[in-house]
C-alpha atoms as a PDB file:
ATOM      1  CA  UNK A   1      69.985  77.764 -56.215  1.00  0.00           C
ATOM      2  CA  UNK A   2      68.854  81.404 -55.237  1.00  0.00           C
ATOM      3  CA  UNK A   3      65.401  80.394 -56.701  1.00  0.00           C
ATOM      4  CA  UNK A   4      65.182  77.230 -54.825  1.00  0.00           C
ATOM      5  CA  UNK A   5      65.986  78.964 -51.521  1.00  0.00           C
ATOM      6  CA  UNK A   6      63.584  81.555 -52.316  1.00  0.00           C
ATOM      7  CA  UNK A   7      60.788  79.228 -53.173  1.00  0.00           C
ATOM      8  CA  UNK A   8      61.506  77.399 -49.873  1.00  0.00           C
ATOM      9  CA  UNK A   9      61.396  80.523 -47.860  1.00  0.00           C
ATOM     10  CA  UNK A  10      57.984  81.632 -49.737  1.00  0.00           C
ATOM     11  CA  UNK A  11      56.392  78.158 -48.822  1.00  0.00           C
ATOM     12  CA  UNK A  12      57.289  78.469 -45.149  1.00  0.00           C
ATOM     13  CA  UNK A  13      56.245  81.965 -44.946  1.00  0.00           C
ATOM     14  CA  UNK A  14      52.895  80.950 -46.585  1.00  0.00           C
ATOM     15  CA  UNK A  15      52.411  77.888 -44.143  1.00  0.00           C
ATOM     16  CA  UNK A  16      53.244  80.188 -41.099  1.00  0.00           C
ATOM     17  CA  UNK A  17      50.715  82.769 -42.360  1.00  0.00           C
ATOM     18  CA  UNK A  18      48.100  80.118 -42.924  1.00  0.00           C
ATOM     19  CA  UNK A  19      48.574  78.658 -39.510  1.00  0.00           C
ATOM     20  CA  UNK A  20      48.244  82.263 -37.913  1.00  0.00           C
ATOM     21  CA  UNK A  21      44.980  82.765 -39.590  1.00  0.00           C
ATOM     22  CA  UNK A  22      43.863  79.179 -38.791  1.00  0.00           C
ATOM     23  CA  UNK A  23      40.133  78.979 -37.612  1.00  0.00           C
ATOM     24  CA  UNK A  24      41.440  76.928 -34.631  1.00  0.00           C
ATOM     25  CA  UNK A  25      43.354  79.710 -33.163  1.00  0.00           C
ATOM     26  CA  UNK A  26      41.959  80.992 -29.950  1.00  0.00           C
ATOM     27  CA  UNK A  27      39.679  77.885 -29.769  1.00  0.00           C
ATOM     28  CA  UNK A  28      41.596  76.641 -26.533  1.00  0.00           C
ATOM     29  CA  UNK A  29      38.825  75.703 -23.896  1.00  0.00           C
ATOM     30  CA  UNK A  30      39.459  77.985 -21.010  1.00  0.00           C
ATOM     31  CA  UNK A  31      41.044  76.273 -17.709  1.00  0.00           C
ATOM     32  CA  UNK A  32      38.395  75.065 -15.472  1.00  0.00           C
ATOM     33  CA  UNK A  33      38.806  75.671 -11.889  1.00  0.00           C
ATOM     34  CA  UNK A  34      39.859  72.938  -9.399  1.00  0.00           C
ATOM     35  CA  UNK A  35      36.673  70.708  -8.188  1.00  0.00           C
ATOM     36  CA  UNK A  36      36.702  72.142  -4.543  1.00  0.00           C
ATOM     37  CA  UNK A  37      36.096  75.799  -6.171  1.00  0.00           C
ATOM     38  CA  UNK A  38      33.422  74.888  -8.885  1.00  0.00           C
ATOM     39  CA  UNK A  39      30.535  75.482  -6.497  1.00  0.00           C
ATOM     40  CA  UNK A  40      32.058  78.871  -5.403  1.00  0.00           C
ATOM     41  CA  UNK A  41      30.688  82.139  -6.751  1.00  0.00           C
ATOM     42  CA  UNK A  42      32.710  84.059  -9.356  1.00  0.00           C
ATOM     43  CA  UNK A  43      31.864  87.419  -7.515  1.00  0.00           C
ATOM     44  CA  UNK A  44      31.344  88.093  -3.880  1.00  0.00           C
ATOM     45  CA  UNK A  45      30.241  91.156  -2.133  1.00  0.00           C
ATOM     46  CA  UNK A  46      29.317  92.177   1.297  1.00  0.00           C
ATOM     47  CA  UNK A  47      27.159  95.033   2.328  1.00  0.00           C
ATOM     48  CA  UNK A  48      26.686  95.868  -1.273  1.00  0.00           C
ATOM     49  CA  UNK A  49      24.346  98.718  -2.928  1.00  0.00           C
ATOM     50  CA  UNK A  50      23.599  98.107  -6.733  1.00  0.00           C
ATOM     51  CA  UNK A  51      21.998 100.888  -8.710  1.00  0.00           C
ATOM     52  CA  UNK A  52      20.344 100.142 -11.977  1.00  0.00           C
ATOM     53  CA  UNK A  53      19.496 103.281 -14.282  1.00  0.00           C
ATOM     54  CA  UNK A  54      17.061 103.529 -17.177  1.00  0.00           C
ATOM     55  CA  UNK A  55      18.253 104.753 -20.631  1.00  0.00           C
ATOM     56  CA  UNK A  56      17.380 108.443 -19.719  1.00  0.00           C
ATOM     57  CA  UNK A  57      19.615 108.379 -17.008  1.00  0.00           C
ATOM     58  CA  UNK A  58      16.949 108.299 -14.267  1.00  0.00           C
ATOM     59  CA  UNK A  59      17.296 105.651 -11.336  1.00  0.00           C
ATOM     60  CA  UNK A  60      15.285 102.392 -12.018  1.00  0.00           C
ATOM     61  CA  UNK A  61      16.143 100.639  -8.794  1.00  0.00           C
ATOM     62  CA  UNK A  62      18.495 100.249  -6.030  1.00  0.00           C
ATOM     63  CA  UNK A  63      19.339  96.917  -4.333  1.00  0.00           C
ATOM     64  CA  UNK A  64      21.128  96.609  -0.957  1.00  0.00           C
ATOM     65  CA  UNK A  65      21.887  93.397   0.354  1.00  0.00           C
ATOM     66  CA  UNK A  66      23.984  91.943   3.420  1.00  0.00           C
ATOM     67  CA  UNK A  67      25.581  89.576   0.988  1.00  0.00           C
ATOM     68  CA  UNK A  68      25.629  89.098  -2.849  1.00  0.00           C
ATOM     69  CA  UNK A  69      27.071  86.069  -4.774  1.00  0.00           C
ATOM     70  CA  UNK A  70      27.191  86.062  -8.590  1.00  0.00           C
ATOM     71  CA  UNK A  71      27.576  82.644 -10.706  1.00  0.00           C
ATOM     72  CA  UNK A  72      28.617  83.642 -14.268  1.00  0.00           C
ATOM     73  CA  UNK A  73      28.027  80.204 -15.607  1.00  0.00           C
ATOM     74  CA  UNK A  74      24.198  80.337 -14.838  1.00  0.00           C
ATOM     75  CA  UNK A  75      23.997  83.951 -14.699  1.00  0.00           C
ATOM     76  CA  UNK A  76      22.447  83.561 -11.383  1.00  0.00           C
ATOM     77  CA  UNK A  77      22.745  86.052  -8.434  1.00  0.00           C
ATOM     78  CA  UNK A  78      22.013  85.124  -4.958  1.00  0.00           C
ATOM     79  CA  UNK A  79      21.475  87.886  -2.436  1.00  0.00           C
ATOM     80  CA  UNK A  80      20.979  87.596   1.301  1.00  0.00           C
ATOM     81  CA  UNK A  81      18.927  90.157   3.328  1.00  0.00           C
ATOM     82  CA  UNK A  82      17.899  91.956   0.151  1.00  0.00           C
ATOM     83  CA  UNK A  83      16.411  95.571   0.579  1.00  0.00           C
ATOM     84  CA  UNK A  84      15.118  96.539  -3.046  1.00  0.00           C
ATOM     85  CA  UNK A  85      13.474  99.907  -3.971  1.00  0.00           C
ATOM     86  CA  UNK A  86      11.699 100.097  -7.272  1.00  0.00           C
ATOM     87  CA  UNK A  87      11.299 103.909  -8.397  1.00  0.00           C
ATOM     88  CA  UNK A  88       8.428 104.989 -10.727  1.00  0.00           C
ATOM     89  CA  UNK A  89       8.210 108.760 -10.509  1.00  0.00           C
ATOM     90  CA  UNK A  90       6.149 110.611  -9.830  1.00  0.00           C
ATOM     91  CA  UNK A  91       4.640 107.907  -7.696  1.00  0.00           C
ATOM     92  CA  UNK A  92       6.382 107.111  -4.573  1.00  0.00           C
ATOM     93  CA  UNK A  93       8.785 104.006  -4.819  1.00  0.00           C
ATOM     94  CA  UNK A  94       7.799 100.606  -3.761  1.00  0.00           C
ATOM     95  CA  UNK A  95      10.105  98.962  -1.380  1.00  0.00           C
ATOM     96  CA  UNK A  96      10.581  95.092  -0.920  1.00  0.00           C
ATOM     97  CA  UNK A  97      12.814  93.365   1.721  1.00  0.00           C
ATOM     98  CA  UNK A  98      13.174  89.788   2.661  1.00  0.00           C
ATOM     99  CA  UNK A  99      15.478  87.162   3.935  1.00  0.00           C
ATOM    100  CA  UNK A 100      16.801  85.603   0.603  1.00  0.00           C
ATOM    101  CA  UNK A 101      16.600  86.503  -3.004  1.00  0.00           C
ATOM    102  CA  UNK A 102      17.498  85.280  -6.446  1.00  0.00           C
ATOM    103  CA  UNK A 103      18.081  87.351  -9.519  1.00  0.00           C
ATOM    104  CA  UNK A 104      18.072  85.921 -13.053  1.00  0.00           C
ATOM    105  CA  UNK A 105      17.822  87.306 -16.497  1.00  0.00           C
ATOM    106  CA  UNK A 106      15.589  85.141 -19.053  1.00  0.00           C
ATOM    107  CA  UNK A 107      13.852  85.409 -22.300  1.00  0.00           C
ATOM    108  CA  UNK A 108      10.343  86.451 -21.837  1.00  0.00           C
ATOM    109  CA  UNK A 109       7.549  87.772 -24.042  1.00  0.00           C
ATOM    110  CA  UNK A 110       8.862  88.250 -27.714  1.00  0.00           C
ATOM    111  CA  UNK A 111      12.130  86.742 -26.845  1.00  0.00           C
ATOM    112  CA  UNK A 112      13.101  89.974 -24.820  1.00  0.00           C
ATOM    113  CA  UNK A 113      15.509  89.349 -22.005  1.00  0.00           C
ATOM    114  CA  UNK A 114      13.875  90.110 -18.712  1.00  0.00           C
ATOM    115  CA  UNK A 115      15.191  90.483 -15.424  1.00  0.00           C
ATOM    116  CA  UNK A 116      13.452  88.281 -12.666  1.00  0.00           C
ATOM    117  CA  UNK A 117      13.851  88.664  -8.955  1.00  0.00           C
ATOM    118  CA  UNK A 118      12.457  85.909  -6.601  1.00  0.00           C
ATOM    119  CA  UNK A 119      12.354  86.832  -2.995  1.00  0.00           C
ATOM    120  CA  UNK A 120      11.806  84.258  -0.222  1.00  0.00           C
ATOM    121  CA  UNK A 121      11.025  83.992   3.364  1.00  0.00           C
ATOM    122  CA  UNK A 122       9.285  87.033   5.374  1.00  0.00           C
ATOM    123  CA  UNK A 123       8.663  89.047   2.284  1.00  0.00           C
ATOM    124  CA  UNK A 124       7.376  92.585   2.814  1.00  0.00           C
ATOM    125  CA  UNK A 125       6.351  94.795  -0.364  1.00  0.00           C
ATOM    126  CA  UNK A 126       5.441  98.231   0.832  1.00  0.00           C
ATOM    127  CA  UNK A 127       4.695 101.819  -0.628  1.00  0.00           C
ATOM    128  CA  UNK A 128       4.159 104.671   1.592  1.00  0.00           C
ATOM    129  CA  UNK A 129       2.160 107.699   0.139  1.00  0.00           C
ATOM    130  CA  UNK A 130       1.841 109.531   3.262  1.00  0.00           C
ATOM    131  CA  UNK A 131       1.550 109.558   7.101  1.00  0.00           C
ATOM    132  CA  UNK A 132      -1.740 107.898   6.989  1.00  0.00           C
ATOM    133  CA  UNK A 133      -1.591 106.167   3.523  1.00  0.00           C
ATOM    134  CA  UNK A 134       0.612 103.143   3.221  1.00  0.00           C
ATOM    135  CA  UNK A 135       0.123  99.719   1.299  1.00  0.00           C
ATOM    136  CA  UNK A 136       1.901  96.674   3.079  1.00  0.00           C
ATOM    137  CA  UNK A 137       1.943  93.192   1.483  1.00  0.00           C
ATOM    138  CA  UNK A 138       3.412  90.216   3.363  1.00  0.00           C
ATOM    139  CA  UNK A 139       3.998  86.806   1.927  1.00  0.00           C
ATOM    140  CA  UNK A 140       6.633  83.983   1.932  1.00  0.00           C
ATOM    141  CA  UNK A 141       7.547  84.391  -1.786  1.00  0.00           C
ATOM    142  CA  UNK A 142       7.341  87.023  -4.251  1.00  0.00           C
ATOM    143  CA  UNK A 143       8.285  87.158  -8.023  1.00  0.00           C
ATOM    144  CA  UNK A 144       9.214  90.800  -9.181  1.00  0.00           C
ATOM    145  CA  UNK A 145       9.764  91.872 -12.772  1.00  0.00           C
ATOM    146  CA  UNK A 146      11.153  95.391 -12.364  1.00  0.00           C
ATOM    147  CA  UNK A 147      11.003  96.342 -15.899  1.00  0.00           C
ATOM    148  CA  UNK A 148       7.285  95.956 -16.116  1.00  0.00           C
ATOM    149  CA  UNK A 149       6.839  97.018 -12.493  1.00  0.00           C
ATOM    150  CA  UNK A 150       5.006  93.778 -11.839  1.00  0.00           C
ATOM    151  CA  UNK A 151       4.833  91.425  -8.953  1.00  0.00           C
ATOM    152  CA  UNK A 152       2.891  88.225  -8.457  1.00  0.00           C
ATOM    153  CA  UNK A 153       2.883  85.116  -6.042  1.00  0.00           C
ATOM    154  CA  UNK A 154       0.842  82.039  -5.650  1.00  0.00           C
ATOM    155  CA  UNK A 155       1.303  81.835  -1.938  1.00  0.00           C
ATOM    156  CA  UNK A 156      -1.107  83.327   0.731  1.00  0.00           C
ATOM    157  CA  UNK A 157      -0.684  87.067   1.261  1.00  0.00           C
ATOM    158  CA  UNK A 158      -1.983  89.622   3.708  1.00  0.00           C
ATOM    159  CA  UNK A 159      -2.494  93.013   2.538  1.00  0.00           C
ATOM    160  CA  UNK A 160      -2.742  95.987   4.939  1.00  0.00           C
ATOM    161  CA  UNK A 161      -3.773  99.481   4.292  1.00  0.00           C
ATOM    162  CA  UNK A 162      -5.605 102.371   5.845  1.00  0.00           C
ATOM    163  CA  UNK A 163      -8.788 100.723   4.513  1.00  0.00           C
ATOM    164  CA  UNK A 164      -8.217  97.497   6.471  1.00  0.00           C
ATOM    165  CA  UNK A 165      -6.728  93.987   6.022  1.00  0.00           C
ATOM    166  CA  UNK A 166      -7.219  91.414   3.270  1.00  0.00           C
ATOM    167  CA  UNK A 167      -6.090  87.880   3.186  1.00  0.00           C
ATOM    168  CA  UNK A 168      -5.820  86.045  -0.202  1.00  0.00           C
ATOM    169  CA  UNK A 169      -4.364  82.970  -1.724  1.00  0.00           C
ATOM    170  CA  UNK A 170      -2.174  84.779  -4.031  1.00  0.00           C
ATOM    171  CA  UNK A 171      -1.952  88.006  -6.128  1.00  0.00           C
ATOM    172  CA  UNK A 172      -0.806  89.784  -9.429  1.00  0.00           C
ATOM    173  CA  UNK A 173       0.177  93.448  -8.695  1.00  0.00           C
ATOM    174  CA  UNK A 174       0.681  96.245 -11.457  1.00  0.00           C
ATOM    175  CA  UNK A 175       3.000  98.397  -9.087  1.00  0.00           C
ATOM    176  CA  UNK A 176       2.669 101.429 -11.355  1.00  0.00           C
ATOM    177  CA  UNK A 177      -1.073 101.758 -11.397  1.00  0.00           C
ATOM    178  CA  UNK A 178      -1.399  99.958  -7.967  1.00  0.00           C
ATOM    179  CA  UNK A 179      -3.878  97.477  -9.380  1.00  0.00           C
ATOM    180  CA  UNK A 180      -4.133  94.361  -7.389  1.00  0.00           C
ATOM    181  CA  UNK A 181      -5.663  91.060  -8.743  1.00  0.00           C
ATOM    182  CA  UNK A 182      -6.222  88.908  -5.572  1.00  0.00           C
ATOM    183  CA  UNK A 183      -6.581  85.242  -6.027  1.00  0.00           C
ATOM    184  CA  UNK A 184      -8.520  82.361  -4.108  1.00  0.00           C
ATOM    185  CA  UNK A 185      -8.442  78.842  -4.364  1.00  0.00           C
ATOM    186  CA  UNK A 186     -10.073  75.695  -2.482  1.00  0.00           C
ATOM    187  CA  UNK A 187      -8.060  76.334   0.660  1.00  0.00           C
ATOM    188  CA  UNK A 188      -9.491  79.861   1.180  1.00  0.00           C
ATOM    189  CA  UNK A 189     -11.550  82.686  -0.316  1.00  0.00           C
ATOM    190  CA  UNK A 190     -10.500  86.492  -0.502  1.00  0.00           C
ATOM    191  CA  UNK A 191     -11.265  87.739   3.041  1.00  0.00           C
ATOM    192  CA  UNK A 192     -11.380  91.412   4.158  1.00  0.00           C
ATOM    193  CA  UNK A 193     -11.660  93.136   7.339  1.00  0.00           C
ATOM    194  CA  UNK A 194     -12.622  96.806   7.312  1.00  0.00           C
ATOM    195  CA  UNK A 195     -12.093  98.884  10.467  1.00  0.00           C
ATOM    196  CA  UNK A 196     -15.282 100.037  12.096  1.00  0.00           C
ATOM    197  CA  UNK A 197     -14.244 103.833  12.020  1.00  0.00           C
ATOM    198  CA  UNK A 198     -14.409 103.709   8.054  1.00  0.00           C
ATOM    199  CA  UNK A 199     -18.238 102.869   8.380  1.00  0.00           C
ATOM    200  CA  UNK A 200     -20.368 105.913   7.733  1.00  0.00           C
ATOM    201  CA  UNK A 201     -22.805 106.643  10.760  1.00  0.00           C
END
């Protein structure tokens, strides 16, 4: 009789143990938010300042925004009135601001995850190197890749500096070397206006 009871207890114990370590444990789907909240952000910030650092501890960029909304499911962050500063010492930082912005991480070259920032409406990209040396780029949309210090757009741009004003139909910019590749198309060529005082007399 005792052996029968012991055997039954052993069988129950093994069954409970098997259930505890079953592969379906913890596989319960998370509860979905109610329909009226599904389009709402998972994170909402006002007047936020976000600092991103490099592996060596130096400041990579700073993003200040009037409003920041993050959506976890799509890994998308929307920012209103973004004011973005990209640091690249010993060069002066580049600053870009706009009315709207989107931030997303995507797999780029060699499947490396790359952060992409898309800025829209009244976009201004500027670097000030001195009282009389500043480069200002104005456009309606700009894609910025902070890790590569690269910016590009297919929209029309106006570039202003101490050397004059240049209009183009797009650009690719290496922000670290300050190399700008200007684009033209059937709608317009690259057009530069040089101030008269720069001409040698």
